[in-house]
Amino acid sequence: MSKKARADAKKHYAQHVAAGRPVCYPWPASMKPWPVHRLLEVDSRDEYGEKGGLAYQVQFRELFWAEVKELMKNE
């Protein structure tokens, strides 16, 4: 299940980038932006189980930080 979760995270991240990196604010009490194409932690756990949900979230964050690293390198 972790392999499927990581593959889905890669697919969702590609959709997120292609759509122009839109964000939403799913928590009314917080101004923390959340990528539209990224599953919430609860949803990823429901979809892939405890370990798979964690793998999904980790993969999505790794892709994000890899992109940030590349952008900073180009400056």
PDB file of N, CA and C in Angstrom:
ATOM      1  N   MET A   1       0.814  -1.190   0.000  1.00  0.00           N
ATOM      2  CA  MET A   1       0.000   0.000   0.000  1.00  0.00           C
ATOM      3  C   MET A   1       0.861   1.257   0.000  1.00  0.00           C
ATOM      4  N   SER A   2       2.020   1.194   0.620  1.00  0.00           N
ATOM      5  CA  SER A   2       2.891   2.372   0.643  1.00  0.00           C
ATOM      6  C   SER A   2       3.362   2.752  -0.750  1.00  0.00           C
ATOM      7  N   LYS A   3       3.624   1.747  -1.602  1.00  0.00           N
ATOM      8  CA  LYS A   3       4.062   2.049  -2.966  1.00  0.00           C
ATOM      9  C   LYS A   3       2.970   2.781  -3.725  1.00  0.00           C
ATOM     10  N   LYS A   4       1.720   2.339  -3.561  1.00  0.00           N
ATOM     11  CA  LYS A   4       0.606   3.005  -4.223  1.00  0.00           C
ATOM     12  C   LYS A   4       0.431   4.416  -3.673  1.00  0.00           C
ATOM     13  N   ALA A   5       0.583   4.566  -2.359  1.00  0.00           N
ATOM     14  CA  ALA A   5       0.442   5.886  -1.741  1.00  0.00           C
ATOM     15  C   ALA A   5       1.512   6.837  -2.263  1.00  0.00           C
ATOM     16  N   ARG A   6       2.753   6.381  -2.359  1.00  0.00           N
ATOM     17  CA  ARG A   6       3.836   7.229  -2.850  1.00  0.00           C
ATOM     18  C   ARG A   6       3.625   7.570  -4.330  1.00  0.00           C
ATOM     19  N   ALA A   7       3.161   6.600  -5.110  1.00  0.00           N
ATOM     20  CA  ALA A   7       2.890   6.854  -6.530  1.00  0.00           C
ATOM     21  C   ALA A   7       1.761   7.870  -6.684  1.00  0.00           C
ATOM     22  N   ASP A   8       0.714   7.736  -5.865  1.00  0.00           N
ATOM     23  CA  ASP A   8      -0.391   8.696  -5.916  1.00  0.00           C
ATOM     24  C   ASP A   8       0.073  10.084  -5.484  1.00  0.00           C
ATOM     25  N   ALA A   9       0.963  10.155  -4.505  1.00  0.00           N
ATOM     26  CA  ALA A   9       1.484  11.456  -4.071  1.00  0.00           C
ATOM     27  C   ALA A   9       2.245  12.123  -5.219  1.00  0.00           C
ATOM     28  N   LYS A  10       3.042  11.352  -5.944  1.00  0.00           N
ATOM     29  CA  LYS A  10       3.766  11.903  -7.092  1.00  0.00           C
ATOM     30  C   LYS A  10       2.792  12.406  -8.148  1.00  0.00           C
ATOM     31  N   LYS A  11       1.739  11.622  -8.403  1.00  0.00           N
ATOM     32  CA  LYS A  11       0.732  12.008  -9.390  1.00  0.00           C
ATOM     33  C   LYS A  11      -0.002  13.278  -8.934  1.00  0.00           C
ATOM     34  N   HIS A  12      -0.390  13.331  -7.666  1.00  0.00           N
ATOM     35  CA  HIS A  12      -1.091  14.499  -7.145  1.00  0.00           C
ATOM     36  C   HIS A  12      -0.191  15.735  -7.153  1.00  0.00           C
ATOM     37  N   TYR A  13       1.099  15.555  -6.862  1.00  0.00           N
ATOM     38  CA  TYR A  13       2.011  16.699  -6.881  1.00  0.00           C
ATOM     39  C   TYR A  13       2.163  17.227  -8.310  1.00  0.00           C
ATOM     40  N   ALA A  14       2.253  16.332  -9.276  1.00  0.00           N
ATOM     41  CA  ALA A  14       2.342  16.763 -10.679  1.00  0.00           C
ATOM     42  C   ALA A  14       1.084  17.536 -11.079  1.00  0.00           C
ATOM     43  N   GLN A  15      -0.082  17.083 -10.641  1.00  0.00           N
ATOM     44  CA  GLN A  15      -1.326  17.802 -10.921  1.00  0.00           C
ATOM     45  C   GLN A  15      -1.315  19.172 -10.245  1.00  0.00           C
ATOM     46  N   HIS A  16      -0.784  19.223  -9.040  1.00  0.00           N
ATOM     47  CA  HIS A  16      -0.701  20.469  -8.281  1.00  0.00           C
ATOM     48  C   HIS A  16       0.171  21.495  -9.016  1.00  0.00           C
ATOM     49  N   VAL A  17       1.318  21.057  -9.500  1.00  0.00           N
ATOM     50  CA  VAL A  17       2.221  21.943 -10.242  1.00  0.00           C
ATOM     51  C   VAL A  17       1.583  22.376 -11.559  1.00  0.00           C
ATOM     52  N   ALA A  18       0.969  21.432 -12.272  1.00  0.00           N
ATOM     53  CA  ALA A  18       0.353  21.740 -13.561  1.00  0.00           C
ATOM     54  C   ALA A  18      -0.810  22.729 -13.413  1.00  0.00           C
ATOM     55  N   ALA A  19      -1.502  22.678 -12.288  1.00  0.00           N
ATOM     56  CA  ALA A  19      -2.642  23.572 -12.068  1.00  0.00           C
ATOM     57  C   ALA A  19      -2.225  24.943 -11.541  1.00  0.00           C
ATOM     58  N   GLY A  20      -0.935  25.158 -11.327  1.00  0.00           N
ATOM     59  CA  GLY A  20      -0.458  26.451 -10.859  1.00  0.00           C
ATOM     60  C   GLY A  20      -0.335  26.554  -9.353  1.00  0.00           C
ATOM     61  N   ARG A  21      -0.239  25.428  -8.678  1.00  0.00           N
ATOM     62  CA  ARG A  21      -0.050  25.347  -7.215  1.00  0.00           C
ATOM     63  C   ARG A  21      -1.161  26.031  -6.408  1.00  0.00           C
ATOM     64  N   PRO A  22      -2.441  25.709  -6.716  1.00  0.00           N
ATOM     65  CA  PRO A  22      -3.529  26.334  -5.949  1.00  0.00           C
ATOM     66  C   PRO A  22      -3.576  25.810  -4.514  1.00  0.00           C
ATOM     67  N   VAL A  23      -4.014  26.653  -3.604  1.00  0.00           N
ATOM     68  CA  VAL A  23      -4.152  26.256  -2.199  1.00  0.00           C
ATOM     69  C   VAL A  23      -5.567  26.562  -1.722  1.00  0.00           C
ATOM     70  N   CYS A  24      -5.953  25.898  -0.648  1.00  0.00           N
ATOM     71  CA  CYS A  24      -7.218  26.184   0.012  1.00  0.00           C
ATOM     72  C   CYS A  24      -6.939  26.330   1.499  1.00  0.00           C
ATOM     73  N   TYR A  25      -7.936  26.711   2.243  1.00  0.00           N
ATOM     74  CA  TYR A  25      -7.803  26.884   3.694  1.00  0.00           C
ATOM     75  C   TYR A  25      -8.866  26.011   4.368  1.00  0.00           C
ATOM     76  N   PRO A  26      -8.572  24.715   4.545  1.00  0.00           N
ATOM     77  CA  PRO A  26      -9.594  23.791   5.051  1.00  0.00           C
ATOM     78  C   PRO A  26      -9.927  23.954   6.530  1.00  0.00           C
ATOM     79  N   TRP A  27      -9.129  24.679   7.280  1.00  0.00           N
ATOM     80  CA  TRP A  27      -9.372  24.859   8.713  1.00  0.00           C
ATOM     81  C   TRP A  27      -9.735  26.309   8.965  1.00  0.00           C
ATOM     82  N   PRO A  28     -10.976  26.597   9.306  1.00  0.00           N
ATOM     83  CA  PRO A  28     -11.415  27.981   9.490  1.00  0.00           C
ATOM     84  C   PRO A  28     -10.624  28.746  10.554  1.00  0.00           C
ATOM     85  N   ALA A  29     -10.168  28.072  11.584  1.00  0.00           N
ATOM     86  CA  ALA A  29      -9.454  28.761  12.654  1.00  0.00           C
ATOM     87  C   ALA A  29      -7.983  28.994  12.325  1.00  0.00           C
ATOM     88  N   SER A  30      -7.520  28.461  11.199  1.00  0.00           N
ATOM     89  CA  SER A  30      -6.112  28.566  10.844  1.00  0.00           C
ATOM     90  C   SER A  30      -5.972  29.186   9.464  1.00  0.00           C
ATOM     91  N   MET A  31      -4.943  29.965   9.293  1.00  0.00           N
ATOM     92  CA  MET A  31      -4.666  30.527   7.970  1.00  0.00           C
ATOM     93  C   MET A  31      -3.593  29.724   7.256  1.00  0.00           C
ATOM     94  N   LYS A  32      -3.410  28.461   7.664  1.00  0.00           N
ATOM     95  CA  LYS A  32      -2.412  27.602   7.030  1.00  0.00           C
ATOM     96  C   LYS A  32      -2.925  27.148   5.667  1.00  0.00           C
ATOM     97  N   PRO A  33      -2.237  27.507   4.601  1.00  0.00           N
ATOM     98  CA  PRO A  33      -2.678  27.062   3.275  1.00  0.00           C
ATOM     99  C   PRO A  33      -2.393  25.573   3.072  1.00  0.00           C
ATOM    100  N   TRP A  34      -3.231  24.916   2.317  1.00  0.00           N
ATOM    101  CA  TRP A  34      -3.080  23.498   2.030  1.00  0.00           C
ATOM    102  C   TRP A  34      -3.210  23.310   0.528  1.00  0.00           C
ATOM    103  N   PRO A  35      -2.279  22.594  -0.106  1.00  0.00           N
ATOM    104  CA  PRO A  35      -2.386  22.354  -1.552  1.00  0.00           C
ATOM    105  C   PRO A  35      -3.704  21.667  -1.904  1.00  0.00           C
ATOM    106  N   VAL A  36      -4.379  22.164  -2.905  1.00  0.00           N
ATOM    107  CA  VAL A  36      -5.682  21.633  -3.308  1.00  0.00           C
ATOM    108  C   VAL A  36      -5.585  20.163  -3.694  1.00  0.00           C
ATOM    109  N   HIS A  37      -4.522  19.765  -4.367  1.00  0.00           N
ATOM    110  CA  HIS A  37      -4.402  18.397  -4.865  1.00  0.00           C
ATOM    111  C   HIS A  37      -3.836  17.418  -3.839  1.00  0.00           C
ATOM    112  N   ARG A  38      -3.497  17.877  -2.651  1.00  0.00           N
ATOM    113  CA  ARG A  38      -2.940  17.005  -1.617  1.00  0.00           C
ATOM    114  C   ARG A  38      -4.048  16.531  -0.686  1.00  0.00           C
ATOM    115  N   LEU A  39      -4.065  15.235  -0.414  1.00  0.00           N
ATOM    116  CA  LEU A  39      -5.042  14.713   0.533  1.00  0.00           C
ATOM    117  C   LEU A  39      -4.727  15.225   1.936  1.00  0.00           C
ATOM    118  N   LEU A  40      -5.757  15.478   2.708  1.00  0.00           N
ATOM    119  CA  LEU A  40      -5.555  15.815   4.113  1.00  0.00           C
ATOM    120  C   LEU A  40      -4.994  14.589   4.827  1.00  0.00           C
ATOM    121  N   GLU A  41      -4.356  14.786   5.976  1.00  0.00           N
ATOM    122  CA  GLU A  41      -3.773  13.657   6.697  1.00  0.00           C
ATOM    123  C   GLU A  41      -4.812  12.587   7.022  1.00  0.00           C
ATOM    124  N   VAL A  42      -5.989  13.012   7.447  1.00  0.00           N
ATOM    125  CA  VAL A  42      -7.059  12.075   7.790  1.00  0.00           C
ATOM    126  C   VAL A  42      -7.495  11.294   6.555  1.00  0.00           C
ATOM    127  N   ASP A  43      -7.647  11.998   5.430  1.00  0.00           N
ATOM    128  CA  ASP A  43      -8.078  11.337   4.200  1.00  0.00           C
ATOM    129  C   ASP A  43      -7.034  10.351   3.693  1.00  0.00           C
ATOM    130  N   SER A  44      -5.756  10.698   3.793  1.00  0.00           N
ATOM    131  CA  SER A  44      -4.721   9.775   3.324  1.00  0.00           C
ATOM    132  C   SER A  44      -4.653   8.533   4.218  1.00  0.00           C
ATOM    133  N   ARG A  45      -4.879   8.707   5.526  1.00  0.00           N
ATOM    134  CA  ARG A  45      -4.919   7.543   6.426  1.00  0.00           C
ATOM    135  C   ARG A  45      -6.106   6.647   6.109  1.00  0.00           C
ATOM    136  N   ASP A  46      -7.256   7.270   5.823  1.00  0.00           N
ATOM    137  CA  ASP A  46      -8.448   6.488   5.467  1.00  0.00           C
ATOM    138  C   ASP A  46      -8.236   5.738   4.158  1.00  0.00           C
ATOM    139  N   GLU A  47      -7.568   6.378   3.219  1.00  0.00           N
ATOM    140  CA  GLU A  47      -7.359   5.787   1.889  1.00  0.00           C
ATOM    141  C   GLU A  47      -6.312   4.679   1.895  1.00  0.00           C
ATOM    142  N   TYR A  48      -5.194   4.890   2.579  1.00  0.00           N
ATOM    143  CA  TYR A  48      -4.051   3.978   2.481  1.00  0.00           C
ATOM    144  C   TYR A  48      -3.688   3.273   3.781  1.00  0.00           C
ATOM    145  N   GLY A  49      -4.392   3.538   4.859  1.00  0.00           N
ATOM    146  CA  GLY A  49      -4.031   2.961   6.144  1.00  0.00           C
ATOM    147  C   GLY A  49      -3.010   3.850   6.845  1.00  0.00           C
ATOM    148  N   GLU A  50      -2.634   3.464   8.043  1.00  0.00           N
ATOM    149  CA  GLU A  50      -1.741   4.303   8.859  1.00  0.00           C
ATOM    150  C   GLU A  50      -0.377   4.514   8.202  1.00  0.00           C
ATOM    151  N   LYS A  51       0.294   3.423   7.828  1.00  0.00           N
ATOM    152  CA  LYS A  51       1.630   3.540   7.222  1.00  0.00           C
ATOM    153  C   LYS A  51       1.570   4.137   5.822  1.00  0.00           C
ATOM    154  N   GLY A  52       0.580   3.731   5.042  1.00  0.00           N
ATOM    155  CA  GLY A  52       0.441   4.265   3.691  1.00  0.00           C
ATOM    156  C   GLY A  52       0.131   5.748   3.695  1.00  0.00           C
ATOM    157  N   GLY A  53      -0.706   6.185   4.635  1.00  0.00           N
ATOM    158  CA  GLY A  53      -1.037   7.600   4.741  1.00  0.00           C
ATOM    159  C   GLY A  53       0.183   8.431   5.091  1.00  0.00           C
ATOM    160  N   LEU A  54       1.001   7.907   5.989  1.00  0.00           N
ATOM    161  CA  LEU A  54       2.243   8.598   6.343  1.00  0.00           C
ATOM    162  C   LEU A  54       3.188   8.644   5.144  1.00  0.00           C
ATOM    163  N   ALA A  55       3.281   7.544   4.400  1.00  0.00           N
ATOM    164  CA  ALA A  55       4.135   7.506   3.210  1.00  0.00           C
ATOM    165  C   ALA A  55       3.680   8.543   2.179  1.00  0.00           C
ATOM    166  N   TYR A  56       2.364   8.689   2.022  1.00  0.00           N
ATOM    167  CA  TYR A  56       1.814   9.683   1.087  1.00  0.00           C
ATOM    168  C   TYR A  56       2.248  11.086   1.491  1.00  0.00           C
ATOM    169  N   GLN A  57       2.050  11.419   2.777  1.00  0.00           N
ATOM    170  CA  GLN A  57       2.379  12.766   3.246  1.00  0.00           C
ATOM    171  C   GLN A  57       3.881  13.045   3.138  1.00  0.00           C
ATOM    172  N   VAL A  58       4.697  12.073   3.479  1.00  0.00           N
ATOM    173  CA  VAL A  58       6.152  12.238   3.400  1.00  0.00           C
ATOM    174  C   VAL A  58       6.581  12.457   1.951  1.00  0.00           C
ATOM    175  N   GLN A  59       6.046  11.660   1.028  1.00  0.00           N
ATOM    176  CA  GLN A  59       6.411  11.791  -0.388  1.00  0.00           C
ATOM    177  C   GLN A  59       6.028  13.159  -0.924  1.00  0.00           C
ATOM    178  N   PHE A  60       4.823  13.639  -0.584  1.00  0.00           N
ATOM    179  CA  PHE A  60       4.381  14.947  -1.068  1.00  0.00           C
ATOM    180  C   PHE A  60       5.302  16.040  -0.552  1.00  0.00           C
ATOM    181  N   ARG A  61       5.662  15.984   0.738  1.00  0.00           N
ATOM    182  CA  ARG A  61       6.573  16.981   1.317  1.00  0.00           C
ATOM    183  C   ARG A  61       7.954  16.903   0.674  1.00  0.00           C
ATOM    184  N   GLU A  62       8.460  15.686   0.420  1.00  0.00           N
ATOM    185  CA  GLU A  62       9.776  15.542  -0.219  1.00  0.00           C
ATOM    186  C   GLU A  62       9.787  16.175  -1.596  1.00  0.00           C
ATOM    187  N   LEU A  63       8.731  15.981  -2.367  1.00  0.00           N
ATOM    188  CA  LEU A  63       8.653  16.589  -3.696  1.00  0.00           C
ATOM    189  C   LEU A  63       8.620  18.117  -3.595  1.00  0.00           C
ATOM    190  N   PHE A  64       7.868  18.625  -2.626  1.00  0.00           N
ATOM    191  CA  PHE A  64       7.800  20.070  -2.432  1.00  0.00           C
ATOM    192  C   PHE A  64       9.171  20.648  -2.094  1.00  0.00           C
ATOM    193  N   TRP A  65       9.862  20.047  -1.124  1.00  0.00           N
ATOM    194  CA  TRP A  65      11.156  20.578  -0.701  1.00  0.00           C
ATOM    195  C   TRP A  65      12.226  20.394  -1.768  1.00  0.00           C
ATOM    196  N   ALA A  66      12.114  19.349  -2.587  1.00  0.00           N
ATOM    197  CA  ALA A  66      13.053  19.188  -3.700  1.00  0.00           C
ATOM    198  C   ALA A  66      12.868  20.320  -4.705  1.00  0.00           C
ATOM    199  N   GLU A  67      11.620  20.709  -4.937  1.00  0.00           N
ATOM    200  CA  GLU A  67      11.353  21.814  -5.852  1.00  0.00           C
ATOM    201  C   GLU A  67      11.865  23.141  -5.266  1.00  0.00           C
ATOM    202  N   VAL A  68      11.666  23.347  -3.968  1.00  0.00           N
ATOM    203  CA  VAL A  68      12.171  24.559  -3.321  1.00  0.00           C
ATOM    204  C   VAL A  68      13.683  24.620  -3.431  1.00  0.00           C
ATOM    205  N   LYS A  69      14.336  23.493  -3.212  1.00  0.00           N
ATOM    206  CA  LYS A  69      15.806  23.423  -3.305  1.00  0.00           C
ATOM    207  C   LYS A  69      16.281  23.811  -4.713  1.00  0.00           C
ATOM    208  N   GLU A  70      15.591  23.302  -5.725  1.00  0.00           N
ATOM    209  CA  GLU A  70      15.964  23.639  -7.099  1.00  0.00           C
ATOM    210  C   GLU A  70      15.756  25.132  -7.387  1.00  0.00           C
ATOM    211  N   LEU A  71      14.672  25.687  -6.899  1.00  0.00           N
ATOM    212  CA  LEU A  71      14.409  27.111  -7.105  1.00  0.00           C
ATOM    213  C   LEU A  71      15.455  27.977  -6.424  1.00  0.00           C
ATOM    214  N   MET A  72      15.866  27.583  -5.228  1.00  0.00           N
ATOM    215  CA  MET A  72      16.882  28.347  -4.511  1.00  0.00           C
ATOM    216  C   MET A  72      18.247  28.229  -5.187  1.00  0.00           C
ATOM    217  N   LYS A  73      18.517  27.093  -5.778  1.00  0.00           N
ATOM    218  CA  LYS A  73      19.788  26.878  -6.467  1.00  0.00           C
ATOM    219  C   LYS A  73      19.887  27.777  -7.701  1.00  0.00           C
ATOM    220  N   ASN A  74      18.760  28.047  -8.336  1.00  0.00           N
ATOM    221  CA  ASN A  74      18.737  28.841  -9.555  1.00  0.00           C
ATOM    222  C   ASN A  74      18.813  30.340  -9.308  1.00  0.00           C
ATOM    223  N   GLU A  75      18.709  30.773  -8.075  1.00  0.00           N
ATOM    224  CA  GLU A  75      18.759  32.212  -7.783  1.00  0.00           C
ATOM    225  C   GLU A  75      20.159  32.728  -7.719  1.00  0.00           C
TER     226      GLU A  75
END
